[in-house]
């Protein structure tokens, strides 16, 4: 029995470890906290290892792990929403602060990532899977348990929102933005 577990562990590591960096990057973008992202990815690997006997050899291990990740993120968000509390004084203080962003010399990768972080999570997760990790619509639909049509709609809306946000960066640098790219309601 010990030999069987060792073989399963080696097979799991061979199939799953190459995707560690992609899972971590996506988790950071979704929860915006490196420590929580590390915890989430550890949970993904633990859940994946426990369920590896159900994984069908020859199928897409990367997509399977991302499905586990997004389930873990949903669980994380439910817990976070329950535990979130801000004192009245802290909330009042935040409301009185005026934020004026500085204008950088050039658009950097961080600016693009910041714009990605500003779009709603349901769009961000689809954009990440499609445009960063090159998943097909069907794989995204299976990973997130949503219809393919919803994937296409969210991807379209997420990309539009990114264009608007990045257009604002372009205006800050003096670049022209097409007149039809007016910031619209995202809902």
Protein backbone atom coordinates (compact mmCIF):
# COMPACT_ATOMS: atom_id res chain seq x y z
CA UNK A 1 0.00 0.00 0.00
CA UNK A 2 2.86 2.40 0.79
CA UNK A 3 4.32 1.77 -2.68
CA UNK A 4 0.97 2.65 -4.29
CA UNK A 5 0.80 5.98 -2.42
CA UNK A 6 4.38 6.81 -3.42
CA UNK A 7 3.61 6.11 -7.09
CA UNK A 8 0.42 8.23 -6.87
CA UNK A 9 2.40 11.07 -5.24
CA UNK A 10 5.09 10.94 -7.93
CA UNK A 11 2.46 10.94 -10.70
CA UNK A 12 0.64 13.82 -9.06
CA UNK A 13 3.83 15.84 -8.67
CA UNK A 14 4.81 15.21 -12.28
CA UNK A 15 1.40 16.33 -13.54
CA UNK A 16 0.67 19.19 -11.12
CA UNK A 17 3.92 20.90 -10.09
CA UNK A 18 4.58 22.46 -13.53
CA UNK A 19 1.42 24.55 -13.05
CA UNK A 20 2.33 25.94 -9.63
CA UNK A 21 3.50 29.37 -10.88
CA UNK A 22 0.40 29.90 -13.05
CA UNK A 23 -1.91 28.95 -10.19
CA UNK A 24 -0.09 31.26 -7.79
CA UNK A 25 -0.13 34.24 -10.17
CA UNK A 26 -3.84 33.79 -10.80
CA UNK A 27 -4.57 33.44 -7.09
CA UNK A 28 -2.67 36.67 -6.34
CA UNK A 29 -4.70 38.52 -8.98
CA UNK A 30 -7.96 37.16 -7.65
CA UNK A 31 -7.46 37.66 -3.89
CA UNK A 32 -4.89 40.49 -4.02
CA UNK A 33 -2.87 39.10 -1.16
CA UNK A 34 0.31 37.05 -1.63
CA UNK A 35 0.05 35.20 1.66
CA UNK A 36 -3.59 34.23 1.09
CA UNK A 37 -2.70 33.24 -2.48
CA UNK A 38 0.02 30.91 -1.17
CA UNK A 39 -2.47 29.37 1.23
CA UNK A 40 -5.00 28.92 -1.55
CA UNK A 41 -2.47 27.23 -3.84
CA UNK A 42 -1.41 24.93 -1.00
CA UNK A 43 -5.08 24.00 -0.52
CA UNK A 44 -5.40 23.38 -4.27
CA UNK A 45 -2.45 21.01 -4.20
CA UNK A 46 -3.75 19.24 -1.10
CA UNK A 47 -7.23 18.85 -2.62
CA UNK A 48 -5.70 17.79 -5.93
CA UNK A 49 -3.49 15.20 -4.29
CA UNK A 50 -6.40 13.80 -2.27
CA UNK A 51 -8.58 13.56 -5.39
CA UNK A 52 -5.87 12.53 -7.85
CA UNK A 53 -7.23 8.98 -7.99
CA UNK A 54 -10.30 10.50 -9.73
CA UNK A 55 -8.22 12.47 -12.25
CA UNK A 56 -8.46 10.93 -15.71
CA UNK A 57 -4.99 10.38 -17.10
CA UNK A 58 -4.54 12.07 -20.46
CA UNK A 59 -6.93 14.93 -19.70
CA UNK A 60 -5.90 18.52 -18.97
CA UNK A 61 -4.39 18.55 -15.47
CA UNK A 62 -3.88 22.31 -15.67
CA UNK A 63 -7.60 22.92 -16.26
CA UNK A 64 -8.46 20.48 -13.47
CA UNK A 65 -6.19 22.34 -11.02
CA UNK A 66 -7.62 25.72 -12.06
CA UNK A 67 -11.12 24.40 -11.40
CA UNK A 68 -10.03 23.44 -7.89
CA UNK A 69 -8.40 26.88 -7.49
CA UNK A 70 -11.54 28.79 -8.42
CA UNK A 71 -13.60 26.64 -6.06
CA UNK A 72 -11.10 27.46 -3.29
CA UNK A 73 -11.29 31.18 -4.19
CA UNK A 74 -15.09 31.10 -3.91
CA UNK A 75 -14.77 29.45 -0.50
CA UNK A 76 -12.17 32.05 0.52
CA UNK A 77 -14.44 34.93 -0.55
CA UNK A 78 -17.39 33.58 1.44
CA UNK A 79 -15.21 33.41 4.55
CA UNK A 80 -13.71 36.83 3.91
CA UNK A 81 -17.12 38.47 3.49
CA UNK A 82 -18.32 36.95 6.77
CA UNK A 83 -15.26 38.13 8.71
CA UNK A 84 -14.94 41.60 7.20
CA UNK A 85 -15.63 44.36 9.66
CA UNK A 86 -14.49 47.96 9.77
CA UNK A 87 -15.07 50.20 12.73
CA UNK A 88 -17.22 53.25 12.18
CA UNK A 89 -14.28 55.59 12.88
CA UNK A 90 -12.07 53.79 10.34
CA UNK A 91 -14.80 53.95 7.73
CA UNK A 92 -15.42 57.66 8.35
CA UNK A 93 -11.66 58.34 8.13
CA UNK A 94 -11.43 56.49 4.79
CA UNK A 95 -14.32 58.52 3.39
CA UNK A 96 -12.60 61.83 4.18
CA UNK A 97 -9.35 60.99 2.41
CA UNK A 98 -8.89 62.38 -1.07
CA UNK A 99 -6.86 60.16 -3.37
CA UNK A 100 -4.88 61.66 -6.20
CA UNK A 101 -2.94 59.10 -8.20
CA UNK A 102 0.46 60.10 -9.49
CA UNK A 103 1.06 59.97 -13.22
CA UNK A 104 3.93 57.61 -14.05
CA UNK A 105 6.43 58.28 -16.85
CA UNK A 106 5.29 55.25 -18.87
CA UNK A 107 2.78 52.43 -18.67
CA UNK A 108 4.40 49.44 -17.01
CA UNK A 109 3.35 45.86 -16.51
CA UNK A 110 2.24 46.89 -13.02
CA UNK A 111 -0.15 49.42 -14.58
CA UNK A 112 -1.72 46.73 -16.72
CA UNK A 113 -1.99 44.41 -13.73
CA UNK A 114 -3.52 47.22 -11.66
CA UNK A 115 -6.10 47.81 -14.40
CA UNK A 116 -6.83 44.07 -14.39
CA UNK A 117 -7.33 44.21 -10.63
CA UNK A 118 -9.88 47.02 -11.03
CA UNK A 119 -12.35 45.01 -13.08
CA UNK A 120 -14.95 42.91 -11.21
CA UNK A 121 -13.77 39.43 -10.15
CA UNK A 122 -16.19 37.52 -12.39
CA UNK A 123 -14.71 39.28 -15.44
CA UNK A 124 -11.13 39.19 -14.15
CA UNK A 125 -11.14 35.42 -13.69
CA UNK A 126 -12.35 34.86 -17.27
CA UNK A 127 -9.83 37.36 -18.72
CA UNK A 128 -7.02 35.70 -16.74
CA UNK A 129 -7.94 32.22 -17.92
CA UNK A 130 -8.45 33.27 -21.57
CA UNK A 131 -5.82 35.93 -22.19
CA UNK A 132 -3.10 35.07 -19.69
CA UNK A 133 -3.34 31.28 -19.50
CA UNK A 134 -4.73 30.62 -23.00
CA UNK A 135 -7.61 28.38 -21.93
CA UNK A 136 -10.28 27.67 -24.55
CA UNK A 137 -13.83 28.89 -23.93
CA UNK A 138 -15.01 25.36 -23.20
CA UNK A 139 -12.21 24.80 -20.67
CA UNK A 140 -13.03 28.09 -18.94
CA UNK A 141 -16.71 27.16 -18.82
CA UNK A 142 -15.87 23.81 -17.23
CA UNK A 143 -13.38 25.37 -14.80
CA UNK A 144 -15.82 28.02 -13.58
CA UNK A 145 -19.01 25.93 -13.93
CA UNK A 146 -20.68 28.49 -16.20
CA UNK A 147 -22.08 28.26 -19.75
CA UNK A 148 -19.78 28.98 -22.71
CA UNK A 149 -22.01 31.93 -23.66
CA UNK A 150 -21.41 33.45 -20.22
CA UNK A 151 -17.66 32.98 -20.72
CA UNK A 152 -17.81 34.85 -24.03
CA UNK A 153 -19.94 37.63 -22.54
CA UNK A 154 -17.73 38.09 -19.48
CA UNK A 155 -14.59 38.01 -21.60
CA UNK A 156 -16.00 40.67 -23.91
CA UNK A 157 -17.07 42.89 -21.02
CA UNK A 158 -13.81 42.37 -19.15
CA UNK A 159 -11.76 43.29 -22.22
CA UNK A 160 -13.89 46.41 -22.78
CA UNK A 161 -13.34 47.48 -19.19
CA UNK A 162 -9.60 46.96 -19.56
CA UNK A 163 -9.57 49.05 -22.74
CA UNK A 164 -11.34 51.88 -20.91
CA UNK A 165 -9.00 51.70 -17.92
CA UNK A 166 -5.90 51.50 -20.08
CA UNK A 167 -7.31 54.31 -22.20
CA UNK A 168 -7.30 56.44 -19.06
CA UNK A 169 -3.62 55.57 -18.58
CA UNK A 170 -3.00 56.54 -22.21
CA UNK A 171 -4.75 59.91 -21.69
CA UNK A 172 -2.55 60.50 -18.64
CA UNK A 173 0.46 60.14 -20.95
CA UNK A 174 -0.96 62.46 -23.59
CA UNK A 175 -1.97 59.74 -26.04
CA UNK A 176 -5.21 60.17 -27.95
CA UNK A 177 -8.10 57.90 -27.05
CA UNK A 178 -10.78 57.25 -29.69
CA UNK A 179 -13.88 59.39 -28.96
CA UNK A 180 -16.19 56.37 -28.86
CA UNK A 181 -14.26 54.94 -25.91
CA UNK A 182 -16.19 56.87 -23.27
CA UNK A 183 -16.28 55.27 -19.85
CA UNK A 184 -19.65 53.56 -19.56
CA UNK A 185 -21.41 51.80 -16.76
CA UNK A 186 -20.02 48.27 -16.39
CA UNK A 187 -23.19 46.70 -15.15
